[in-house]
N, C-alpha and C. Protein backbone atom coordinates (compact mmCIF):
# COMPACT_ATOMS: atom_id res chain seq x y z
N MET A 1 -37.19 64.21 -102.86
CA MET A 1 -35.89 63.84 -103.39
C MET A 1 -35.91 63.16 -102.86
N ILE A 2 -35.05 62.00 -102.81
CA ILE A 2 -34.59 60.88 -102.76
C ILE A 2 -32.88 60.64 -102.35
N THR A 3 -32.79 60.71 -101.46
CA THR A 3 -31.71 59.72 -101.06
C THR A 3 -31.11 58.47 -100.32
N LYS A 4 -30.15 57.71 -100.67
CA LYS A 4 -29.93 56.49 -100.63
C LYS A 4 -28.55 56.34 -99.83
N LEU A 5 -29.31 56.19 -98.49
CA LEU A 5 -27.77 56.00 -97.35
C LEU A 5 -28.13 54.18 -97.01
N TYR A 6 -26.52 53.94 -96.35
CA TYR A 6 -26.53 52.11 -95.87
C TYR A 6 -26.44 52.58 -94.80
N ASN A 7 -27.31 51.12 -93.99
CA ASN A 7 -26.98 51.60 -92.53
C ASN A 7 -25.81 50.68 -91.49
N ASP A 8 -24.57 50.20 -92.89
CA ASP A 8 -23.74 49.57 -91.82
C ASP A 8 -22.92 50.75 -92.64
N ASN A 9 -22.61 52.28 -92.81
CA ASN A 9 -21.61 52.70 -92.85
C ASN A 9 -23.29 54.24 -93.78
N PRO A 10 -23.49 55.10 -93.20
CA PRO A 10 -24.05 56.06 -93.47
C PRO A 10 -23.36 57.18 -93.91
N ASN A 11 -22.95 57.52 -95.29
CA ASN A 11 -21.96 58.92 -96.00
C ASN A 11 -22.31 59.87 -94.92
N VAL A 12 -21.07 60.17 -94.67
CA VAL A 12 -21.18 61.86 -93.11
C VAL A 12 -21.61 63.09 -94.19
N ARG A 13 -21.69 63.07 -94.87
CA ARG A 13 -21.75 64.42 -95.92
C ARG A 13 -23.49 64.24 -96.58
N GLU A 14 -23.88 63.33 -96.04
CA GLU A 14 -25.48 63.16 -96.17
C GLU A 14 -25.45 63.30 -95.09
N VAL A 15 -25.31 62.69 -94.04
CA VAL A 15 -26.30 62.95 -93.10
C VAL A 15 -26.11 64.60 -92.19
N ARG A 16 -25.39 64.63 -93.12
CA ARG A 16 -24.89 66.69 -92.00
C ARG A 16 -26.00 67.31 -93.17
N HIS A 17 -26.48 67.16 -93.99
CA HIS A 17 -26.83 67.45 -95.13
C HIS A 17 -28.59 67.85 -94.87
N ILE A 18 -29.04 66.20 -94.41
CA ILE A 18 -30.40 65.73 -93.78
C ILE A 18 -30.71 66.64 -92.51
N ALA A 19 -29.51 66.53 -91.43
CA ALA A 19 -29.71 67.38 -90.32
C ALA A 19 -29.90 69.06 -89.70
N ASP A 20 -29.00 69.27 -91.36
CA ASP A 20 -29.09 70.52 -91.48
C ASP A 20 -30.81 70.64 -92.18
N MET A 21 -31.19 70.23 -93.13
CA MET A 21 -32.58 69.89 -93.10
C MET A 21 -33.65 70.32 -91.68
N LEU A 22 -33.20 69.34 -91.90
CA LEU A 22 -33.72 69.34 -90.40
C LEU A 22 -33.93 70.52 -89.02
N ARG A 23 -32.63 70.49 -89.09
CA ARG A 23 -32.61 71.70 -87.81
C ARG A 23 -33.09 72.81 -87.91
N ASN A 24 -33.65 73.09 -89.72
CA ASN A 24 -33.80 74.63 -90.39
C ASN A 24 -35.65 74.42 -90.32
N GLY A 25 -36.35 73.55 -89.72
CA GLY A 25 -37.48 73.39 -90.12
C GLY A 25 -38.03 72.72 -90.93
N GLY A 26 -36.97 71.30 -91.82
CA GLY A 26 -37.88 69.91 -92.87
C GLY A 26 -38.57 69.28 -92.09
N VAL A 27 -39.20 69.15 -92.83
CA VAL A 27 -39.43 67.16 -92.65
C VAL A 27 -39.26 65.95 -93.55
N VAL A 28 -38.78 65.30 -93.17
CA VAL A 28 -38.10 63.70 -93.38
C VAL A 28 -38.58 62.93 -93.29
N ILE A 29 -38.35 62.31 -94.32
CA ILE A 29 -39.17 60.58 -94.49
C ILE A 29 -37.75 59.53 -93.77
N VAL A 30 -37.85 58.95 -92.86
CA VAL A 30 -35.82 58.10 -92.19
C VAL A 30 -37.15 56.56 -92.20
N PRO A 31 -35.49 55.95 -92.51
CA PRO A 31 -35.92 54.58 -92.04
C PRO A 31 -35.65 54.32 -90.17
N THR A 32 -36.72 53.35 -89.97
CA THR A 32 -35.89 52.96 -88.12
C THR A 32 -36.52 51.35 -88.42
N ASP A 33 -36.11 50.87 -87.54
CA ASP A 33 -35.86 49.51 -87.15
C ASP A 33 -37.56 48.92 -87.97
N THR A 34 -37.96 49.78 -87.82
CA THR A 34 -39.64 48.55 -88.04
C THR A 34 -39.96 49.84 -89.27
N LEU A 35 -41.65 50.00 -88.89
CA LEU A 35 -42.06 51.28 -90.40
C LEU A 35 -40.93 52.53 -90.50
N TYR A 36 -41.20 53.03 -92.05
CA TYR A 36 -40.46 54.05 -92.19
C TYR A 36 -41.57 55.29 -91.09
N ALA A 37 -41.07 56.36 -90.96
CA ALA A 37 -40.85 57.43 -90.27
C ALA A 37 -41.77 58.98 -90.52
N PHE A 38 -41.96 59.83 -90.95
CA PHE A 38 -42.20 60.79 -90.52
C PHE A 38 -41.52 61.55 -89.72
N ALA A 39 -40.56 62.58 -89.64
CA ALA A 39 -39.90 63.35 -89.09
C ALA A 39 -38.82 64.88 -88.63
N CYS A 40 -39.81 65.11 -87.71
CA CYS A 40 -38.77 66.52 -87.76
C CYS A 40 -37.95 66.99 -86.58
N SER A 41 -37.15 68.55 -86.47
CA SER A 41 -37.15 68.73 -85.57
C SER A 41 -38.26 69.28 -84.35
N MET A 42 -38.13 69.12 -82.43
CA MET A 42 -39.07 69.44 -82.08
C MET A 42 -38.85 71.25 -81.50
N GLU A 43 -38.72 71.29 -82.29
CA GLU A 43 -37.66 73.32 -81.85
C GLU A 43 -38.75 74.50 -83.41
N HIS A 44 -39.30 73.09 -84.46
CA HIS A 44 -40.37 73.48 -85.33
C HIS A 44 -41.51 73.58 -85.27
N LYS A 45 -42.28 74.09 -85.00
CA LYS A 45 -43.70 73.80 -84.48
C LYS A 45 -44.15 73.74 -85.60
N ARG A 46 -44.37 74.27 -86.95
CA ARG A 46 -44.93 74.88 -88.05
C ARG A 46 -44.81 73.36 -88.58
N ALA A 47 -43.62 72.05 -88.85
CA ALA A 47 -42.90 71.40 -89.10
C ALA A 47 -44.41 69.87 -88.69
N VAL A 48 -44.25 70.33 -87.39
CA VAL A 48 -44.60 69.31 -86.90
C VAL A 48 -46.19 69.11 -87.37
N GLU A 49 -46.86 70.29 -87.22
CA GLU A 49 -48.56 70.77 -87.77
C GLU A 49 -47.98 69.90 -89.19
N GLU A 50 -47.29 70.19 -90.12
CA GLU A 50 -47.48 69.50 -91.46
C GLU A 50 -47.59 68.09 -91.18
N ILE A 51 -46.23 67.46 -90.58
CA ILE A 51 -46.64 66.04 -90.07
C ILE A 51 -48.00 65.78 -90.03
N ALA A 52 -48.80 66.46 -89.28
CA ALA A 52 -50.25 65.92 -89.20
C ALA A 52 -50.59 65.70 -89.42
N GLN A 53 -50.87 66.63 -90.75
CA GLN A 53 -51.09 66.93 -92.03
C GLN A 53 -51.22 65.74 -93.61
N LEU A 54 -49.97 65.76 -93.34
CA LEU A 54 -49.42 63.96 -93.77
C LEU A 54 -50.48 63.09 -93.19
N LYS A 55 -50.44 62.77 -92.12
CA LYS A 55 -50.55 61.93 -90.83
C LYS A 55 -52.35 61.07 -91.63
N GLY A 56 -52.85 63.34 -91.09
CA GLY A 56 -54.18 63.07 -91.21
C GLY A 56 -54.93 62.66 -90.46
N PHE A 57 -54.26 63.32 -89.06
CA PHE A 57 -54.21 63.58 -87.74
C PHE A 57 -54.53 65.15 -87.99
N LYS A 58 -55.48 65.44 -86.53
CA LYS A 58 -55.98 66.98 -85.58
C LYS A 58 -54.13 66.71 -85.07
N ILE A 59 -53.45 67.71 -84.91
CA ILE A 59 -52.48 68.02 -83.79
C ILE A 59 -52.69 67.77 -82.33
N LYS A 60 -53.53 68.39 -82.05
CA LYS A 60 -54.28 67.98 -80.86
C LYS A 60 -54.76 66.44 -80.48
N GLN A 61 -54.61 66.14 -81.48
CA GLN A 61 -55.17 64.28 -81.40
C GLN A 61 -53.92 63.73 -81.32
N ALA A 62 -52.37 64.12 -82.19
CA ALA A 62 -51.33 63.25 -82.58
C ALA A 62 -51.34 62.32 -81.11
N LYS A 63 -50.26 61.51 -81.61
CA LYS A 63 -49.40 60.57 -80.79
C LYS A 63 -48.44 60.76 -81.43
N TYR A 64 -47.36 61.42 -81.03
CA TYR A 64 -46.13 61.51 -81.92
C TYR A 64 -44.86 60.96 -80.57
N SER A 65 -44.01 60.24 -81.48
CA SER A 65 -42.70 58.77 -80.79
C SER A 65 -41.82 60.49 -80.49
N MET A 66 -41.01 59.97 -79.70
CA MET A 66 -39.16 60.30 -79.81
C MET A 66 -37.93 59.97 -80.06
N LEU A 67 -37.80 60.69 -81.29
CA LEU A 67 -36.91 59.74 -81.54
C LEU A 67 -35.17 59.75 -81.28
N CYS A 68 -34.46 58.86 -80.29
CA CYS A 68 -33.35 59.66 -79.63
C CYS A 68 -32.61 58.33 -79.81
N SER A 69 -30.83 59.00 -79.98
CA SER A 69 -29.41 58.54 -80.56
C SER A 69 -29.08 57.02 -79.88
N SER A 70 -29.84 57.05 -77.69
CA SER A 70 -29.12 56.39 -77.13
C SER A 70 -30.74 56.38 -76.30
N LEU A 71 -29.68 55.67 -75.10
CA LEU A 71 -31.16 55.81 -73.71
C LEU A 71 -30.78 56.41 -73.23
N SER A 72 -29.24 57.30 -72.84
CA SER A 72 -28.67 58.50 -72.73
C SER A 72 -29.49 59.51 -72.57
N GLN A 73 -29.76 59.49 -73.92
CA GLN A 73 -30.12 61.07 -74.40
C GLN A 73 -31.28 61.08 -74.21
N ALA A 74 -32.08 59.78 -74.24
CA ALA A 74 -34.18 58.93 -74.24
C ALA A 74 -34.07 60.23 -72.16
N SER A 75 -32.92 60.06 -71.21
CA SER A 75 -33.26 59.94 -70.01
C SER A 75 -33.56 61.60 -69.76
N GLU A 76 -32.89 62.47 -70.51
CA GLU A 76 -32.95 64.00 -70.08
C GLU A 76 -34.08 64.56 -70.48
N TYR A 77 -35.16 63.27 -71.45
CA TYR A 77 -36.54 63.90 -72.14
C TYR A 77 -37.76 62.79 -70.81
N VAL A 78 -37.94 62.56 -70.11
CA VAL A 78 -38.74 62.06 -69.31
C VAL A 78 -38.09 62.27 -67.67
N ARG A 79 -39.21 61.28 -66.71
CA ARG A 79 -39.42 61.68 -65.25
C ARG A 79 -37.77 60.64 -64.30
N ALA A 80 -37.43 60.89 -64.30
CA ALA A 80 -36.90 59.79 -63.34
C ALA A 80 -37.16 58.30 -62.85
N MET A 81 -36.33 57.46 -63.79
CA MET A 81 -37.22 56.29 -63.70
C MET A 81 -36.36 55.47 -62.43
N ASP A 82 -37.30 54.11 -62.31
CA ASP A 82 -37.09 53.14 -61.08
C ASP A 82 -35.92 52.11 -61.64
N LYS A 83 -35.24 51.44 -60.88
CA LYS A 83 -34.68 50.31 -61.70
C LYS A 83 -35.46 49.30 -62.89
N GLU A 84 -36.33 48.75 -61.93
CA GLU A 84 -37.13 48.05 -62.74
C GLU A 84 -37.23 49.01 -64.29
N VAL A 85 -37.52 49.75 -63.88
CA VAL A 85 -37.53 50.15 -65.70
C VAL A 85 -37.02 50.20 -66.57
N PHE A 86 -35.18 51.31 -65.86
CA PHE A 86 -34.04 51.19 -66.46
C PHE A 86 -34.28 49.78 -66.93
N ALA A 87 -33.26 49.63 -66.24
CA ALA A 87 -33.51 47.80 -66.08
C ALA A 87 -33.98 47.44 -68.25
N LEU A 88 -34.73 47.22 -67.62
CA LEU A 88 -36.05 46.70 -68.92
C LEU A 88 -35.75 47.74 -70.37
N LEU A 89 -35.43 48.48 -69.96
CA LEU A 89 -34.81 49.79 -71.03
C LEU A 89 -33.82 49.49 -71.85
N LYS A 90 -33.01 49.54 -70.62
CA LYS A 90 -31.32 48.94 -71.20
C LYS A 90 -31.47 47.66 -71.65
N ARG A 91 -32.00 47.10 -71.54
CA ARG A 91 -32.29 45.52 -71.57
C ARG A 91 -32.33 45.36 -73.61
N CYS A 92 -33.81 46.57 -73.80
CA CYS A 92 -34.53 46.95 -74.78
C CYS A 92 -33.60 47.24 -76.18
N LEU A 93 -33.08 48.31 -75.75
CA LEU A 93 -32.82 49.45 -76.52
C LEU A 93 -31.14 49.26 -77.33
N PRO A 94 -30.86 49.54 -77.45
CA PRO A 94 -31.55 49.46 -79.02
C PRO A 94 -32.30 48.97 -79.84
N GLY A 95 -33.84 49.30 -80.18
CA GLY A 95 -34.36 48.28 -80.34
C GLY A 95 -35.95 48.86 -80.56
N PRO A 96 -36.68 47.14 -81.83
CA PRO A 96 -37.94 48.34 -82.18
C PRO A 96 -38.63 48.09 -81.08
N PHE A 97 -39.10 48.90 -79.64
CA PHE A 97 -40.05 48.88 -79.14
C PHE A 97 -39.74 50.63 -78.67
N THR A 98 -41.54 51.13 -78.22
CA THR A 98 -41.81 52.61 -78.49
C THR A 98 -42.56 52.09 -76.98
N PHE A 99 -41.79 53.03 -76.65
CA PHE A 99 -41.58 53.17 -74.51
C PHE A 99 -42.51 54.59 -73.96
N ILE A 100 -44.23 54.13 -74.11
CA ILE A 100 -44.28 55.01 -73.17
C ILE A 100 -43.91 55.38 -71.48
N MET A 101 -43.02 56.97 -71.85
CA MET A 101 -42.54 57.74 -69.75
C MET A 101 -43.31 58.69 -69.88
N GLU A 102 -43.70 58.69 -68.52
CA GLU A 102 -43.99 60.40 -68.56
C GLU A 102 -42.70 61.23 -69.03
N ALA A 103 -42.96 62.11 -69.45
CA ALA A 103 -42.46 62.96 -70.11
C ALA A 103 -41.73 64.50 -68.73
N SER A 104 -40.24 65.03 -69.00
CA SER A 104 -40.02 65.87 -68.23
C SER A 104 -40.14 66.92 -68.80
N GLY A 105 -39.57 68.00 -67.85
CA GLY A 105 -40.20 69.77 -68.39
C GLY A 105 -39.00 69.41 -69.40
N ASN A 106 -38.49 68.94 -69.96
CA ASN A 106 -37.57 69.41 -71.96
C ASN A 106 -38.74 69.44 -72.56
N VAL A 107 -39.80 67.85 -72.87
CA VAL A 107 -40.69 67.62 -73.56
C VAL A 107 -41.61 68.89 -73.27
N PRO A 108 -41.80 69.87 -74.83
CA PRO A 108 -42.90 71.29 -75.05
C PRO A 108 -44.15 70.00 -74.61
N ARG A 109 -44.72 71.31 -74.24
CA ARG A 109 -46.26 70.51 -74.09
C ARG A 109 -47.01 70.04 -74.89
N ASN A 110 -47.10 70.66 -76.14
CA ASN A 110 -47.55 69.83 -77.85
C ASN A 110 -47.24 69.16 -77.95
N TYR A 111 -46.36 68.20 -77.47
CA TYR A 111 -45.83 66.46 -77.62
C TYR A 111 -46.28 65.57 -76.53
N GLN A 112 -46.37 65.98 -75.36
CA GLN A 112 -47.28 65.28 -75.11
C GLN A 112 -48.60 64.43 -75.36
N ASN A 113 -48.54 63.48 -74.12
CA ASN A 113 -50.28 63.10 -74.49
C ASN A 113 -50.66 63.80 -73.49
N SER A 114 -52.41 63.59 -73.44
CA SER A 114 -52.99 64.14 -72.62
C SER A 114 -52.98 64.14 -70.98
N ASN A 115 -51.78 62.60 -70.91
CA ASN A 115 -51.35 62.08 -69.57
C ASN A 115 -49.82 62.83 -69.22
N LYS A 116 -49.29 63.84 -69.54
CA LYS A 116 -47.96 63.68 -70.00
C LYS A 116 -47.35 63.14 -69.83
N THR A 117 -47.39 61.79 -71.10
CA THR A 117 -46.09 61.19 -71.57
C THR A 117 -45.58 61.59 -72.48
N ILE A 118 -44.58 60.54 -73.53
CA ILE A 118 -44.44 60.64 -74.45
C ILE A 118 -44.43 59.51 -74.69
N GLY A 119 -44.07 58.62 -75.83
CA GLY A 119 -43.53 57.97 -76.76
C GLY A 119 -41.70 57.76 -77.04
N ILE A 120 -40.94 56.69 -76.23
CA ILE A 120 -39.77 56.76 -76.56
C ILE A 120 -38.79 56.35 -77.78
N ARG A 121 -38.04 55.89 -78.13
CA ARG A 121 -37.46 55.10 -79.19
C ARG A 121 -36.08 55.70 -79.44
N VAL A 122 -35.70 54.51 -79.36
CA VAL A 122 -34.09 54.06 -80.22
C VAL A 122 -34.01 53.03 -81.08
N PRO A 123 -34.57 53.32 -82.07
CA PRO A 123 -34.39 52.11 -83.37
C PRO A 123 -33.24 52.49 -83.43
N ASP A 124 -32.79 50.58 -83.08
CA ASP A 124 -32.48 50.19 -84.01
C ASP A 124 -31.49 49.91 -85.47
N ASN A 125 -30.76 51.20 -85.74
CA ASN A 125 -31.29 51.50 -87.15
C ASN A 125 -29.87 53.14 -87.18
N GLU A 126 -28.87 52.40 -87.92
CA GLU A 126 -27.03 53.22 -87.46
C GLU A 126 -27.52 54.59 -89.11
N ILE A 127 -28.40 54.82 -89.83
CA ILE A 127 -28.14 55.35 -90.21
C ILE A 127 -29.36 56.92 -89.57
N LEU A 128 -30.76 56.46 -89.11
CA LEU A 128 -31.13 56.91 -88.02
C LEU A 128 -30.37 57.10 -87.42
N ARG A 129 -30.17 56.63 -86.17
CA ARG A 129 -29.36 57.29 -85.26
C ARG A 129 -27.92 58.29 -85.69
N ALA A 130 -27.72 58.20 -86.71
CA ALA A 130 -26.46 59.15 -86.80
C ALA A 130 -26.68 60.49 -87.14
N ILE A 131 -28.38 60.32 -88.00
CA ILE A 131 -28.66 61.67 -88.05
C ILE A 131 -29.21 62.15 -87.05
N ILE A 132 -29.85 61.32 -86.01
CA ILE A 132 -30.33 62.62 -85.04
C ILE A 132 -28.91 62.63 -83.73
N GLU A 133 -27.68 61.79 -84.06
CA GLU A 133 -26.27 62.56 -83.51
C GLU A 133 -25.84 63.90 -83.79
N GLU A 134 -26.36 64.15 -84.95
CA GLU A 134 -25.59 64.83 -86.17
C GLU A 134 -26.65 66.32 -85.28
N VAL A 135 -27.80 66.30 -85.41
CA VAL A 135 -29.33 67.34 -85.41
C VAL A 135 -28.24 67.43 -83.63
N GLY A 136 -28.29 66.46 -83.21
CA GLY A 136 -27.88 66.53 -82.03
C GLY A 136 -29.05 67.04 -80.43
N ALA A 137 -30.19 66.66 -81.44
CA ALA A 137 -31.68 66.61 -79.71
C ALA A 137 -32.94 65.28 -81.06
N PRO A 138 -32.79 64.36 -80.22
CA PRO A 138 -34.09 64.29 -81.05
C PRO A 138 -35.21 64.43 -81.81
N LEU A 139 -36.19 63.77 -82.20
CA LEU A 139 -36.89 63.65 -83.21
C LEU A 139 -38.67 63.76 -82.78
N ILE A 140 -38.86 64.62 -82.84
CA ILE A 140 -40.46 63.95 -83.46
C ILE A 140 -40.82 63.25 -84.25
N ALA A 141 -41.39 61.93 -84.56
CA ALA A 141 -41.84 61.33 -85.26
C ALA A 141 -43.30 60.31 -85.67
N THR A 142 -43.26 60.00 -86.37
CA THR A 142 -44.82 58.98 -86.35
C THR A 142 -44.76 58.12 -87.33
N SER A 143 -44.90 57.11 -88.00
CA SER A 143 -45.47 56.75 -88.79
C SER A 143 -45.34 57.03 -89.85
N VAL A 144 -44.98 56.30 -91.31
CA VAL A 144 -45.70 57.35 -92.51
C VAL A 144 -46.95 56.54 -93.43
N ARG A 145 -48.11 55.49 -92.43
CA ARG A 145 -48.91 55.24 -93.13
C ARG A 145 -49.85 56.02 -92.67
N PRO A 146 -50.63 56.96 -93.46
CA PRO A 146 -51.60 57.49 -92.82
C PRO A 146 -52.67 56.79 -92.16
N ILE A 147 -53.71 57.15 -90.69
CA ILE A 147 -54.81 57.14 -90.30
C ILE A 147 -56.05 56.13 -91.25
N GLY A 148 -56.45 55.45 -90.92
CA GLY A 148 -57.18 55.22 -91.71
C GLY A 148 -57.91 54.38 -92.79
N GLU A 149 -56.68 54.46 -93.30
CA GLU A 149 -55.34 53.88 -94.29
C GLU A 149 -55.06 52.32 -94.88
N ASP A 150 -55.86 51.29 -95.54
CA ASP A 150 -55.53 49.77 -95.40
C ASP A 150 -55.17 49.64 -96.45
N ASP A 151 -54.64 50.63 -97.64
CA ASP A 151 -53.18 50.25 -98.33
C ASP A 151 -52.73 49.42 -98.47
N GLU A 152 -51.85 47.95 -99.14
CA GLU A 152 -50.89 47.85 -99.13
C GLU A 152 -50.09 48.00 -98.35
N VAL A 153 -49.64 46.48 -97.28
CA VAL A 153 -48.10 47.41 -96.47
C VAL A 153 -47.38 48.22 -96.61
N GLU A 154 -47.05 46.95 -98.15
CA GLU A 154 -45.58 47.40 -98.87
C GLU A 154 -45.68 49.07 -99.98
N ASN A 155 -46.93 49.18 -99.86
CA ASN A 155 -47.04 50.64 -99.93
C ASN A 155 -45.85 51.40 -98.83
N TYR A 156 -45.91 50.98 -97.50
CA TYR A 156 -44.40 52.28 -96.64
C TYR A 156 -43.60 51.09 -96.25
N THR A 157 -43.92 50.51 -97.03
CA THR A 157 -42.04 50.10 -96.46
C THR A 157 -41.02 49.54 -97.94
N ASP A 158 -41.57 50.55 -98.91
CA ASP A 158 -40.68 50.35 -99.85
C ASP A 158 -40.64 51.66 -100.47
N PRO A 159 -38.94 52.58 -100.43
CA PRO A 159 -38.98 53.58 -100.17
C PRO A 159 -39.25 54.64 -101.33
N GLU A 160 -39.38 53.51 -102.42
CA GLU A 160 -39.21 54.15 -103.42
C GLU A 160 -40.84 54.97 -104.37
N LEU A 161 -42.22 53.57 -102.97
CA LEU A 161 -42.95 53.98 -103.30
C LEU A 161 -43.74 55.22 -102.47
N ILE A 162 -43.21 55.10 -100.91
CA ILE A 162 -42.80 56.78 -100.71
C ILE A 162 -42.55 57.58 -101.32
N HIS A 163 -41.77 58.03 -101.83
CA HIS A 163 -41.58 58.92 -102.72
C HIS A 163 -42.31 59.03 -103.56
N ASP A 164 -42.91 58.29 -104.16
CA ASP A 164 -43.77 58.38 -105.53
C ASP A 164 -44.90 59.24 -104.95
N ARG A 165 -45.29 59.18 -103.23
CA ARG A 165 -46.36 58.86 -102.30
C ARG A 165 -46.00 60.80 -102.14
N PHE A 166 -45.26 60.52 -101.21
CA PHE A 166 -44.55 61.82 -100.33
C PHE A 166 -43.86 62.96 -101.34
N GLY A 167 -43.19 62.60 -102.00
CA GLY A 167 -41.98 63.47 -102.20
C GLY A 167 -42.24 64.76 -102.06
N SER A 168 -43.02 65.18 -102.62
CA SER A 168 -43.14 66.12 -103.57
C SER A 168 -43.55 67.50 -101.98
N ARG A 169 -43.88 66.60 -101.10
CA ARG A 169 -44.53 66.95 -99.42
C ARG A 169 -43.68 67.23 -98.33
N VAL A 170 -42.18 66.57 -99.21
CA VAL A 170 -41.13 66.76 -97.63
C VAL A 170 -40.58 67.10 -98.39
N ASP A 171 -38.82 67.56 -97.41
CA ASP A 171 -38.01 67.59 -97.80
C ASP A 171 -36.99 66.48 -98.60
N VAL A 172 -36.83 65.42 -98.05
CA VAL A 172 -36.15 64.25 -98.39
C VAL A 172 -36.90 63.10 -97.92
N VAL A 173 -36.64 61.82 -98.71
CA VAL A 173 -37.05 60.47 -98.25
C VAL A 173 -35.78 59.95 -98.14
N VAL A 174 -35.49 59.36 -97.09
CA VAL A 174 -33.78 58.94 -96.46
C VAL A 174 -33.84 57.35 -97.26
N ASP A 175 -33.38 56.87 -98.21
CA ASP A 175 -33.60 55.80 -98.71
C ASP A 175 -32.55 54.79 -98.48
N GLY A 176 -33.26 53.61 -97.21
CA GLY A 176 -32.43 52.77 -96.22
C GLY A 176 -32.49 51.70 -96.70
N GLY A 177 -33.53 51.29 -98.01
CA GLY A 177 -33.95 49.91 -97.67
C GLY A 177 -35.15 49.17 -97.78
N ILE A 178 -35.69 48.38 -98.28
CA ILE A 178 -36.82 48.11 -97.46
C ILE A 178 -37.56 47.43 -96.44
N ALA A 179 -38.38 48.05 -96.21
CA ALA A 179 -38.54 48.15 -93.89
C ALA A 179 -38.83 47.20 -94.23
N ASP A 180 -39.40 46.83 -92.42
CA ASP A 180 -40.30 46.08 -91.95
C ASP A 180 -41.47 45.54 -92.19
N ALA A 181 -42.48 45.21 -92.17
CA ALA A 181 -43.55 45.14 -92.05
C ALA A 181 -44.42 45.83 -91.12
N GLU A 182 -44.21 45.63 -89.69
CA GLU A 182 -44.45 45.50 -88.87
C GLU A 182 -44.45 46.46 -88.37
N PRO A 183 -45.07 46.76 -86.99
CA PRO A 183 -44.12 48.61 -85.82
C PRO A 183 -43.73 48.21 -84.76
N SER A 184 -43.96 48.89 -84.13
CA SER A 184 -42.70 48.84 -82.54
C SER A 184 -43.71 47.97 -82.06
N THR A 185 -43.44 47.45 -81.14
CA THR A 185 -44.11 47.14 -80.05
C THR A 185 -44.11 48.01 -78.63
N VAL A 186 -45.71 48.34 -77.82
CA VAL A 186 -45.32 49.74 -77.18
C VAL A 186 -46.01 48.84 -75.20
N ILE A 187 -44.80 49.40 -74.88
CA ILE A 187 -44.81 49.18 -73.76
C ILE A 187 -45.21 50.52 -73.25
N ASP A 188 -46.41 49.83 -72.71
CA ASP A 188 -46.28 51.61 -71.48
C ASP A 188 -45.74 51.73 -69.96
N CYS A 189 -44.52 52.88 -69.69
CA CYS A 189 -44.16 52.91 -68.84
C CYS A 189 -44.22 53.19 -67.35
N SER A 190 -45.52 54.54 -67.73
CA SER A 190 -45.72 55.78 -66.69
C SER A 190 -46.09 55.04 -65.05
N ASP A 191 -46.57 53.66 -65.57
CA ASP A 191 -46.84 53.24 -64.21
C ASP A 191 -46.58 51.56 -64.05
N GLY A 192 -45.23 51.25 -63.96
CA GLY A 192 -44.57 49.79 -63.72
C GLY A 192 -44.44 49.30 -65.51
N ALA A 193 -45.36 48.42 -65.98
CA ALA A 193 -44.97 47.85 -67.68
C ALA A 193 -45.96 47.65 -67.86
N GLU A 194 -46.47 47.56 -68.97
CA GLU A 194 -47.89 47.13 -69.84
C GLU A 194 -47.12 46.94 -70.46
N LEU A 195 -48.20 45.51 -71.44
CA LEU A 195 -47.80 46.39 -72.58
C LEU A 195 -48.94 46.33 -73.14
N LEU A 196 -48.81 46.91 -74.29
CA LEU A 196 -50.48 48.03 -75.41
C LEU A 196 -50.20 46.81 -76.32
N ARG A 197 -49.62 46.96 -77.40
CA ARG A 197 -49.70 46.52 -78.63
C ARG A 197 -48.45 45.52 -79.05
N GLN A 198 -48.21 44.02 -79.14
CA GLN A 198 -47.04 43.66 -79.61
C GLN A 198 -46.56 43.77 -80.63
N GLY A 199 -45.82 44.09 -81.38
CA GLY A 199 -45.43 44.56 -82.66
C GLY A 199 -44.26 43.51 -82.86
N LYS A 200 -42.97 44.03 -83.54
CA LYS A 200 -41.89 43.62 -83.88
C LYS A 200 -40.96 43.48 -82.50
N GLY A 201 -41.18 44.01 -81.99
CA GLY A 201 -39.62 44.20 -80.63
C GLY A 201 -40.51 42.76 -79.58
N VAL A 202 -40.16 41.74 -78.91
CA VAL A 202 -40.57 40.65 -78.08
C VAL A 202 -39.17 40.66 -76.84
N VAL A 203 -39.95 41.10 -75.31
CA VAL A 203 -39.50 40.77 -74.06
C VAL A 203 -40.72 40.32 -73.54
N ASP A 204 -39.62 39.74 -72.36
CA ASP A 204 -40.59 39.23 -70.67
C ASP A 204 -40.38 40.06 -70.12
N LEU A 205 -41.61 40.80 -69.78
CA LEU A 205 -41.90 42.07 -68.93
C LEU A 205 -42.20 41.09 -67.23
């Protein structure tokens, strides 16, 4: 199933329907401000395992991001930040950045990396943030591009092509238009601030 939503005015009824799917353990494909992403509720381990299979990695080796609707929501899932790191996040979010942070006790261990960190995202995408707000909790997510595949990037930016490939394996593909081909910029803030991957987002550290 594919559902069209518009970033400037997401349909409230459809947003609620998608949120219900997620609360019930569904796996959805959602637009972000970079690539499309597989997403599910952190409360449903089976859904997370399904995403790992779709992505092509072992669940213990997975690197998930936590999609949040705001910096305030994100702060509930990371350890206390110093003033410099908080100022950096406040300057960049919402935006195309993934910040690697020390996970708080609110993050289940299944989703933490081996060094007890988690990637935090607050995408600049009204559709996605509306869905997260309706769910009432962050989503666990990873980009739709499978590990090790070198297909044309357009195959993972066009929601119709994404639906052709994954539509039968997820509950819904949310069509938010053609996605950006660049991934997010990744900054490790677990000990200072270090650029790990330059992507769409640009910021002075």
